[in-house]
Structure formats: structure tokens, C-alpha cells
Amino acid sequence: MEINLSHILLVLVVILLFAIFVRLGSIAIQITRNQEINNAYNSNHHSQRGELLQTQSEHLEEISSNVQQLQSDIEDMKFVADVFYKYKLPDKKERDLLDQIAIDNEVSDGIARARNKNT
């Protein structure tokens, strides 16, 4: 039996093709596993994102409620400030004027009573 060069090359090509086939098979398995991991990650990511969106929605509703309460409180403060402005306490000049009016009224009343006694 004669081994010639073409037979050796044919055997080498077959061995090389078998090695390529095995390597492609392992790559295909890795791709499948990576796809499964990616799907699991995406599923987990989507559920976490859904929970996060739900939590954010609840917080926004709470903020909206707080804003409405703040608007009501601001309206109450404005009302109180308007009352203070309308019925403010007198300053020093106004107090002196009010004191002088009270003194003048007392003097006038005293004079009026004195006249009524004399008459």
C-alpha cells in the first residue's frame, strides 16, 4: 500500500475540518448560553424597571398632593398677612397720636362735666 501525499493532505483536511466543526459547536453553545443569560438579565431588568417606575409614580402622586397642600397653606398665610396689613399695630407716631386723642377726650369730658355741675 502506497501512502501518497494526496492521502496525507486529505487526512489533514479532514482533521482540520473536524477541529473547526468542534470549535464552531462550542462557539454555538456559548452563544446560546449568552443569549439565555441576556434574556434572564433583560427580564430581571424589565421587572426592576417596572417596580422603579411604579415607585416613582407613587412618589409623584405624593408630591402632587403635597403641592396642593402647600398651595392651601400659602393661601392661608396670605390671608393672615392681609389681616395683619389691614389691622396692623400702630407705630410710635400713631401711638403718640392715639394717646394724645385719649388725653384730649378725657380733658374734654372733664370740662364738659365741670360745666354740667356748674349749671
Foldseek 3Di string as FASTA:
>chain_A
DDDDPVNVVVVVVVVVVVVVVVVVVVVVVVVVVVVVVVVVVVVVVVVVVVVVVVVVVVVVVVVVVVVVVVVVVVVVVVVVVVVCVVVPDDDPVVVVVVVVVVVVVVVVVVVVVVVVVVD
